[in-house]
PDB file of N, CA and C in Angstrom:
ATOM      1  N   MET A   1      52.586  79.625  10.932  1.00  0.00           N
ATOM      2  CA  MET A   1      51.564  79.518  10.652  1.00  0.00           C
ATOM      3  C   MET A   1      51.611  79.175   9.206  1.00  0.00           C
ATOM      4  N   SER A   2      51.242  78.616   8.515  1.00  0.00           N
ATOM      5  CA  SER A   2      51.458  78.459   6.763  1.00  0.00           C
ATOM      6  C   SER A   2      50.837  79.704   6.101  1.00  0.00           C
ATOM      7  N   ARG A   3      51.078  79.950   5.182  1.00  0.00           N
ATOM      8  CA  ARG A   3      50.313  80.857   4.526  1.00  0.00           C
ATOM      9  C   ARG A   3      49.336  80.563   3.734  1.00  0.00           C
ATOM     10  N   PRO A   4      48.282  81.086   3.483  1.00  0.00           N
ATOM     11  CA  PRO A   4      47.088  80.608   2.796  1.00  0.00           C
ATOM     12  C   PRO A   4      47.375  79.985   1.358  1.00  0.00           C
ATOM     13  N   MET A   5      47.150  79.183   0.544  1.00  0.00           N
ATOM     14  CA  MET A   5      47.201  78.687  -0.610  1.00  0.00           C
ATOM     15  C   MET A   5      45.696  78.861  -1.645  1.00  0.00           C
ATOM     16  N   THR A   6      46.209  79.421  -2.766  1.00  0.00           N
ATOM     17  CA  THR A   6      45.117  79.468  -3.643  1.00  0.00           C
ATOM     18  C   THR A   6      45.368  78.159  -4.769  1.00  0.00           C
ATOM     19  N   LEU A   7      44.217  77.665  -5.066  1.00  0.00           N
ATOM     20  CA  LEU A   7      44.024  76.193  -5.545  1.00  0.00           C
ATOM     21  C   LEU A   7      43.185  76.585  -6.840  1.00  0.00           C
ATOM     22  N   ASN A   8      43.564  76.130  -7.861  1.00  0.00           N
ATOM     23  CA  ASN A   8      42.785  76.313  -9.192  1.00  0.00           C
ATOM     24  C   ASN A   8      42.625  74.966  -9.807  1.00  0.00           C
ATOM     25  N   VAL A   9      41.252  74.423 -10.181  1.00  0.00           N
ATOM     26  CA  VAL A   9      40.853  73.187 -10.317  1.00  0.00           C
ATOM     27  C   VAL A   9      39.862  73.168 -11.379  1.00  0.00           C
ATOM     28  N   ARG A  10      40.309  72.787 -12.524  1.00  0.00           N
ATOM     29  CA  ARG A  10      38.937  72.707 -13.686  1.00  0.00           C
ATOM     30  C   ARG A  10      38.557  71.306 -13.427  1.00  0.00           C
ATOM     31  N   VAL A  11      37.048  70.989 -13.484  1.00  0.00           N
ATOM     32  CA  VAL A  11      36.295  70.143 -13.396  1.00  0.00           C
ATOM     33  C   VAL A  11      35.554  70.023 -14.328  1.00  0.00           C
ATOM     34  N   SER A  12      35.022  68.960 -15.083  1.00  0.00           N
ATOM     35  CA  SER A  12      34.280  69.286 -16.619  1.00  0.00           C
ATOM     36  C   SER A  12      32.738  67.671 -16.266  1.00  0.00           C
ATOM     37  N   GLY A  13      31.837  67.732 -17.155  1.00  0.00           N
ATOM     38  CA  GLY A  13      31.396  66.380 -17.213  1.00  0.00           C
ATOM     39  C   GLY A  13      30.463  65.989 -15.949  1.00  0.00           C
ATOM     40  N   THR A  14      30.872  64.763 -14.975  1.00  0.00           N
ATOM     41  CA  THR A  14      29.687  64.434 -14.243  1.00  0.00           C
ATOM     42  C   THR A  14      30.494  64.953 -13.229  1.00  0.00           C
ATOM     43  N   LEU A  15      31.561  65.402 -13.044  1.00  0.00           N
ATOM     44  CA  LEU A  15      32.389  65.461 -12.088  1.00  0.00           C
ATOM     45  C   LEU A  15      31.714  66.994 -11.675  1.00  0.00           C
ATOM     46  N   SER A  16      31.657  68.022 -12.897  1.00  0.00           N
ATOM     47  CA  SER A  16      31.251  69.290 -12.657  1.00  0.00           C
ATOM     48  C   SER A  16      29.561  69.333 -12.226  1.00  0.00           C
ATOM     49  N   GLU A  17      28.963  68.471 -12.813  1.00  0.00           N
ATOM     50  CA  GLU A  17      27.630  68.233 -12.316  1.00  0.00           C
ATOM     51  C   GLU A  17      27.156  67.798 -10.773  1.00  0.00           C
ATOM     52  N   PHE A  18      28.331  66.907 -10.472  1.00  0.00           N
ATOM     53  CA  PHE A  18      28.173  66.494  -9.103  1.00  0.00           C
ATOM     54  C   PHE A  18      28.522  67.677  -8.243  1.00  0.00           C
ATOM     55  N   VAL A  19      29.676  68.543  -8.528  1.00  0.00           N
ATOM     56  CA  VAL A  19      29.579  69.613  -7.698  1.00  0.00           C
ATOM     57  C   VAL A  19      28.895  70.829  -7.472  1.00  0.00           C
ATOM     58  N   ALA A  20      28.353  70.859  -8.752  1.00  0.00           N
ATOM     59  CA  ALA A  20      27.382  71.484  -8.528  1.00  0.00           C
ATOM     60  C   ALA A  20      25.943  71.037  -8.140  1.00  0.00           C
ATOM     61  N   SER A  21      25.714  70.170  -7.992  1.00  0.00           N
ATOM     62  CA  SER A  21      24.479  69.661  -7.042  1.00  0.00           C
ATOM     63  C   SER A  21      24.695  69.870  -5.484  1.00  0.00           C
ATOM     64  N   ASN A  22      26.080  70.050  -5.306  1.00  0.00           N
ATOM     65  CA  ASN A  22      26.420  70.099  -3.770  1.00  0.00           C
ATOM     66  C   ASN A  22      26.331  71.575  -3.231  1.00  0.00           C
ATOM     67  N   ILE A  23      25.991  72.559  -4.000  1.00  0.00           N
ATOM     68  CA  ILE A  23      26.377  73.962  -4.124  1.00  0.00           C
ATOM     69  C   ILE A  23      25.147  74.571  -4.123  1.00  0.00           C
ATOM     70  N   GLY A  24      24.930  75.861  -3.584  1.00  0.00           N
ATOM     71  CA  GLY A  24      23.871  76.813  -3.473  1.00  0.00           C
ATOM     72  C   GLY A  24      22.566  76.232  -2.443  1.00  0.00           C
ATOM     73  N   GLY A  25      21.217  76.366  -3.120  1.00  0.00           N
ATOM     74  CA  GLY A  25      20.008  76.159  -2.537  1.00  0.00           C
ATOM     75  C   GLY A  25      19.799  74.828  -2.226  1.00  0.00           C
ATOM     76  N   ASP A  26      20.301  74.196  -2.967  1.00  0.00           N
ATOM     77  CA  ASP A  26      19.911  72.640  -2.701  1.00  0.00           C
ATOM     78  C   ASP A  26      20.865  71.536  -2.137  1.00  0.00           C
ATOM     79  N   GLY A  27      21.935  71.979  -2.536  1.00  0.00           N
ATOM     80  CA  GLY A  27      23.260  71.637  -1.790  1.00  0.00           C
ATOM     81  C   GLY A  27      23.144  71.798  -0.442  1.00  0.00           C
ATOM     82  N   ALA A  28      24.575  71.254  -0.061  1.00  0.00           N
ATOM     83  CA  ALA A  28      25.132  71.375   1.705  1.00  0.00           C
ATOM     84  C   ALA A  28      25.998  72.567   1.925  1.00  0.00           C
ATOM     85  N   TYR A  29      26.378  73.043   0.412  1.00  0.00           N
ATOM     86  CA  TYR A  29      27.374  73.896   0.464  1.00  0.00           C
ATOM     87  C   TYR A  29      27.228  75.145   0.248  1.00  0.00           C
ATOM     88  N   GLU A  30      27.546  76.610   0.696  1.00  0.00           N
ATOM     89  CA  GLU A  30      27.384  77.770  -0.013  1.00  0.00           C
ATOM     90  C   GLU A  30      27.840  78.089  -1.272  1.00  0.00           C
ATOM     91  N   ASN A  31      29.392  77.516  -1.235  1.00  0.00           N
ATOM     92  CA  ASN A  31      30.104  77.763  -2.765  1.00  0.00           C
ATOM     93  C   ASN A  31      31.041  76.744  -2.635  1.00  0.00           C
ATOM     94  N   VAL A  32      31.973  76.344  -3.722  1.00  0.00           N
ATOM     95  CA  VAL A  32      32.911  75.729  -4.386  1.00  0.00           C
ATOM     96  C   VAL A  32      34.087  75.696  -3.295  1.00  0.00           C
ATOM     97  N   SER A  33      34.143  76.940  -2.475  1.00  0.00           N
ATOM     98  CA  SER A  33      35.436  76.580  -1.648  1.00  0.00           C
ATOM     99  C   SER A  33      34.771  76.003  -0.642  1.00  0.00           C
ATOM    100  N   GLU A  34      34.040  76.245  -0.006  1.00  0.00           N
ATOM    101  CA  GLU A  34      33.672  75.899   1.228  1.00  0.00           C
ATOM    102  C   GLU A  34      33.685  73.672   0.785  1.00  0.00           C
ATOM    103  N   TYR A  35      32.955  73.625   0.055  1.00  0.00           N
ATOM    104  CA  TYR A  35      32.880  72.293  -0.380  1.00  0.00           C
ATOM    105  C   TYR A  35      34.309  71.754  -0.525  1.00  0.00           C
ATOM    106  N   VAL A  36      35.423  72.513  -1.364  1.00  0.00           N
ATOM    107  CA  VAL A  36      36.672  71.818  -1.358  1.00  0.00           C
ATOM    108  C   VAL A  36      37.533  71.646   0.144  1.00  0.00           C
ATOM    109  N   ARG A  37      37.078  72.751   1.170  1.00  0.00           N
ATOM    110  CA  ARG A  37      37.632  73.107   2.185  1.00  0.00           C
ATOM    111  C   ARG A  37      37.588  71.813   3.184  1.00  0.00           C
ATOM    112  N   ASP A  38      36.015  71.282   2.939  1.00  0.00           N
ATOM    113  CA  ASP A  38      35.499  69.894   3.895  1.00  0.00           C
ATOM    114  C   ASP A  38      36.048  69.079   3.090  1.00  0.00           C
ATOM    115  N   LEU A  39      36.018  68.438   2.124  1.00  0.00           N
ATOM    116  CA  LEU A  39      36.757  67.563   1.335  1.00  0.00           C
ATOM    117  C   LEU A  39      38.272  67.134   1.585  1.00  0.00           C
ATOM    118  N   ILE A  40      38.908  68.602   1.809  1.00  0.00           N
ATOM    119  CA  ILE A  40      40.315  68.572   1.981  1.00  0.00           C
ATOM    120  C   ILE A  40      40.227  67.972   3.449  1.00  0.00           C
ATOM    121  N   ARG A  41      39.106  68.120   4.509  1.00  0.00           N
ATOM    122  CA  ARG A  41      39.617  68.441   6.031  1.00  0.00           C
ATOM    123  C   ARG A  41      38.869  66.864   6.364  1.00  0.00           C
ATOM    124  N   ARG A  42      38.139  66.110   5.821  1.00  0.00           N
ATOM    125  CA  ARG A  42      37.868  65.023   5.820  1.00  0.00           C
ATOM    126  C   ARG A  42      38.742  64.146   5.152  1.00  0.00           C
ATOM    127  N   ASP A  43      39.559  64.339   4.191  1.00  0.00           N
ATOM    128  CA  ASP A  43      40.484  63.487   3.693  1.00  0.00           C
ATOM    129  C   ASP A  43      41.685  63.708   4.814  1.00  0.00           C
ATOM    130  N   LYS A  44      41.928  64.814   5.372  1.00  0.00           N
ATOM    131  CA  LYS A  44      42.851  64.658   6.621  1.00  0.00           C
ATOM    132  C   LYS A  44      42.738  64.204   7.449  1.00  0.00           C
ATOM    133  N   ALA A  45      41.626  63.799   7.786  1.00  0.00           N
ATOM    134  CA  ALA A  45      41.133  63.377   9.181  1.00  0.00           C
ATOM    135  C   ALA A  45      41.068  62.041   8.858  1.00  0.00           C
ATOM    136  N   ARG A  46      40.873  61.466   7.540  1.00  0.00           N
ATOM    137  CA  ARG A  46      40.933  59.845   7.224  1.00  0.00           C
ATOM    138  C   ARG A  46      42.102  59.408   7.156  1.00  0.00           C
ATOM    139  N   ALA A  47      43.337  60.218   6.791  1.00  0.00           N
ATOM    140  CA  ALA A  47      44.793  59.792   7.000  1.00  0.00           C
ATOM    141  C   ALA A  47      44.897  59.702   8.241  1.00  0.00           C
ATOM    142  N   GLU A  48      44.695  60.657   9.213  1.00  0.00           N
ATOM    143  CA  GLU A  48      45.203  60.484  10.514  1.00  0.00           C
ATOM    144  C   GLU A  48      44.332  59.216  11.469  1.00  0.00           C
ATOM    145  N   THR A  49      43.458  58.850  10.497  1.00  0.00           N
ATOM    146  CA  THR A  49      42.427  57.715  11.110  1.00  0.00           C
ATOM    147  C   THR A  49      43.349  56.679  10.865  1.00  0.00           C
ATOM    148  N   GLU A  50      43.781  56.594   9.671  1.00  0.00           N
ATOM    149  CA  GLU A  50      44.674  55.178   9.042  1.00  0.00           C
ATOM    150  C   GLU A  50      45.927  55.241   9.885  1.00  0.00           C
ATOM    151  N   GLY A  51      46.518  56.074  10.190  1.00  0.00           N
ATOM    152  CA  GLY A  51      47.995  55.982  10.590  1.00  0.00           C
ATOM    153  C   GLY A  51      47.582  55.865  12.047  1.00  0.00           C
ATOM    154  N   PHE A  52      46.728  56.217  12.860  1.00  0.00           N
ATOM    155  CA  PHE A  52      46.439  55.983  14.209  1.00  0.00           C
ATOM    156  C   PHE A  52      46.184  54.338  14.145  1.00  0.00           C
ATOM    157  N   GLU A  53      45.493  53.608  12.989  1.00  0.00           N
ATOM    158  CA  GLU A  53      45.159  52.297  13.136  1.00  0.00           C
ATOM    159  C   GLU A  53      45.994  51.516  12.944  1.00  0.00           C
ATOM    160  N   ARG A  54      46.918  51.896  11.874  1.00  0.00           N
ATOM    161  CA  ARG A  54      48.480  51.278  11.955  1.00  0.00           C
ATOM    162  C   ARG A  54      49.214  51.034  13.003  1.00  0.00           C
ATOM    163  N   LEU A  55      49.139  52.429  13.950  1.00  0.00           N
ATOM    164  CA  LEU A  55      50.009  52.231  15.086  1.00  0.00           C
ATOM    165  C   LEU A  55      49.137  51.522  15.837  1.00  0.00           C
ATOM    166  N   LYS A  56      47.913  51.141  15.965  1.00  0.00           N
ATOM    167  CA  LYS A  56      47.073  50.600  17.175  1.00  0.00           C
ATOM    168  C   LYS A  56      47.455  49.199  16.615  1.00  0.00           C
ATOM    169  N   ALA A  57      47.527  48.653  15.393  1.00  0.00           N
ATOM    170  CA  ALA A  57      47.630  47.126  15.166  1.00  0.00           C
ATOM    171  C   ALA A  57      49.121  46.804  15.255  1.00  0.00           C
ATOM    172  N   GLU A  58      50.048  47.687  14.908  1.00  0.00           N
ATOM    173  CA  GLU A  58      51.457  47.451  15.687  1.00  0.00           C
ATOM    174  C   GLU A  58      51.669  47.263  17.149  1.00  0.00           C
ATOM    175  N   LEU A  59      50.920  48.102  17.752  1.00  0.00           N
ATOM    176  CA  LEU A  59      50.998  47.838  19.061  1.00  0.00           C
ATOM    177  C   LEU A  59      50.443  46.859  19.871  1.00  0.00           C
ATOM    178  N   THR A  60      49.424  46.437  19.447  1.00  0.00           N
ATOM    179  CA  THR A  60      48.237  45.054  19.251  1.00  0.00           C
ATOM    180  C   THR A  60      48.999  44.200  19.302  1.00  0.00           C
ATOM    181  N   ALA A  61      50.060  43.943  18.011  1.00  0.00           N
ATOM    182  CA  ALA A  61      50.734  42.555  17.893  1.00  0.00           C
ATOM    183  C   ALA A  61      51.857  42.707  18.841  1.00  0.00           C
ATOM    184  N   ALA A  62      52.364  43.869  18.961  1.00  0.00           N
ATOM    185  CA  ALA A  62      53.517  43.742  19.922  1.00  0.00           C
ATOM    186  C   ALA A  62      53.347  43.096  21.675  1.00  0.00           C
ATOM    187  N   PHE A  63      52.003  44.097  21.866  1.00  0.00           N
ATOM    188  CA  PHE A  63      51.772  43.252  23.508  1.00  0.00           C
ATOM    189  C   PHE A  63      51.481  42.069  23.739  1.00  0.00           C
ATOM    190  N   ALA A  64      51.068  41.313  22.301  1.00  0.00           N
ATOM    191  CA  ALA A  64      50.526  39.922  22.186  1.00  0.00           C
ATOM    192  C   ALA A  64      51.461  38.988  22.171  1.00  0.00           C
ATOM    193  N   ALA A  65      52.750  39.532  21.521  1.00  0.00           N
ATOM    194  CA  ALA A  65      53.651  38.531  21.648  1.00  0.00           C
ATOM    195  C   ALA A  65      54.110  37.930  23.035  1.00  0.00           C
ATOM    196  N   PRO A  66      54.659  36.685  22.630  1.00  0.00           N
ATOM    197  CA  PRO A  66      55.063  36.256  24.058  1.00  0.00           C
ATOM    198  C   PRO A  66      56.492  36.661  24.777  1.00  0.00           C
ATOM    199  N   GLU A  67      56.608  36.773  26.020  1.00  0.00           N
ATOM    200  CA  GLU A  67      57.801  37.492  26.657  1.00  0.00           C
ATOM    201  C   GLU A  67      58.873  37.035  26.387  1.00  0.00           C
ATOM    202  N   SER A  68      59.172  35.435  25.620  1.00  0.00           N
ATOM    203  CA  SER A  68      60.154  35.031  25.522  1.00  0.00           C
ATOM    204  C   SER A  68      60.676  35.825  23.762  1.00  0.00           C
ATOM    205  N   ALA A  69      59.773  36.317  23.248  1.00  0.00           N
ATOM    206  CA  ALA A  69      60.166  37.007  21.624  1.00  0.00           C
ATOM    207  C   ALA A  69      60.766  38.549  22.270  1.00  0.00           C
ATOM    208  N   TYR A  70      60.946  38.561  23.352  1.00  0.00           N
ATOM    209  CA  TYR A  70      61.484  39.958  23.414  1.00  0.00           C
ATOM    210  C   TYR A  70      63.201  39.892  24.021  1.00  0.00           C
ATOM    211  N   VAL A  71      63.814  40.931  23.415  1.00  0.00           N
ATOM    212  CA  VAL A  71      65.416  40.801  23.607  1.00  0.00           C
ATOM    213  C   VAL A  71      65.943  41.934  24.480  1.00  0.00           C
ATOM    214  N   ALA A  72      66.349  41.867  25.477  1.00  0.00           N
ATOM    215  CA  ALA A  72      67.205  42.924  26.387  1.00  0.00           C
ATOM    216  C   ALA A  72      67.816  43.470  24.988  1.00  0.00           C
ATOM    217  N   LEU A  73      67.826  44.865  25.047  1.00  0.00           N
ATOM    218  CA  LEU A  73      69.165  45.637  24.216  1.00  0.00           C
ATOM    219  C   LEU A  73      69.334  47.044  24.907  1.00  0.00           C
ATOM    220  N   ASP A  74      70.822  47.219  24.560  1.00  0.00           N
ATOM    221  CA  ASP A  74      71.007  48.442  25.498  1.00  0.00           C
ATOM    222  C   ASP A  74      71.113  49.322  24.698  1.00  0.00           C
ATOM    223  N   ALA A  75      71.268  50.861  25.046  1.00  0.00           N
ATOM    224  CA  ALA A  75      71.214  52.365  24.143  1.00  0.00           C
ATOM    225  C   ALA A  75      71.860  52.033  22.983  1.00  0.00           C
ATOM    226  N   GLU A  76      73.099  51.478  23.005  1.00  0.00           N
ATOM    227  CA  GLU A  76      74.264  51.614  21.909  1.00  0.00           C
ATOM    228  C   GLU A  76      73.862  50.483  20.694  1.00  0.00           C
ATOM    229  N   THR A  77      73.237  49.435  21.057  1.00  0.00           N
ATOM    230  CA  THR A  77      72.715  48.410  19.972  1.00  0.00           C
ATOM    231  C   THR A  77      71.301  49.043  19.405  1.00  0.00           C
ATOM    232  N   VAL A  78      70.451  49.592  20.284  1.00  0.00           N
ATOM    233  CA  VAL A  78      69.446  50.586  19.535  1.00  0.00           C
ATOM    234  C   VAL A  78      70.074  51.579  18.352  1.00  0.00           C
ATOM    235  N   ILE A  79      70.777  52.222  18.876  1.00  0.00           N
ATOM    236  CA  ILE A  79      71.466  53.564  18.275  1.00  0.00           C
ATOM    237  C   ILE A  79      71.810  52.879  16.942  1.00  0.00           C
ATOM    238  N   ALA A  80      73.147  52.007  17.143  1.00  0.00           N
ATOM    239  CA  ALA A  80      73.170  51.564  16.200  1.00  0.00           C
ATOM    240  C   ALA A  80      72.688  51.197  15.038  1.00  0.00           C
ATOM    241  N   ARG A  81      71.254  49.985  15.416  1.00  0.00           N
ATOM    242  CA  ARG A  81      70.673  49.492  14.823  1.00  0.00           C
ATOM    243  C   ARG A  81      69.826  50.606  13.944  1.00  0.00           C
ATOM    244  N   ASN A  82      69.398  51.299  14.585  1.00  0.00           N
ATOM    245  CA  ASN A  82      68.224  52.866  13.922  1.00  0.00           C
ATOM    246  C   ASN A  82      69.392  53.676  13.114  1.00  0.00           C
ATOM    247  N   ALA A  83      71.025  53.753  12.921  1.00  0.00           N
ATOM    248  CA  ALA A  83      71.709  54.327  12.151  1.00  0.00           C
ATOM    249  C   ALA A  83      71.918  53.599  10.884  1.00  0.00           C
ATOM    250  N   ARG A  84      72.002  52.413  10.976  1.00  0.00           N
ATOM    251  CA  ARG A  84      71.643  51.471   9.832  1.00  0.00           C
ATOM    252  C   ARG A  84      70.590  51.743   8.879  1.00  0.00           C
ATOM    253  N   GLY A  85      69.232  51.919   9.708  1.00  0.00           N
ATOM    254  CA  GLY A  85      68.049  51.745   8.961  1.00  0.00           C
ATOM    255  C   GLY A  85      67.207  52.945   8.481  1.00  0.00           C
TER     256      GLY A  85
END
């Protein structure tokens, strides 16, 4: 398990006002740390979803290809091709 990380971020102007509006009694978060952790979790989930969607699109295209588009390869050919790239 990784060690906790301390982040120091300075925001001002409209960004500071926006953060403040999300903190405390009128906001959705108790404190800035809770807000930032939630933003990071959401960004992580977004990145994972994007990666899954890319993989799904590639697999969909591969399965939609006609049988004639596939070429039989032996293990040595696949290993050699992957070693080059």
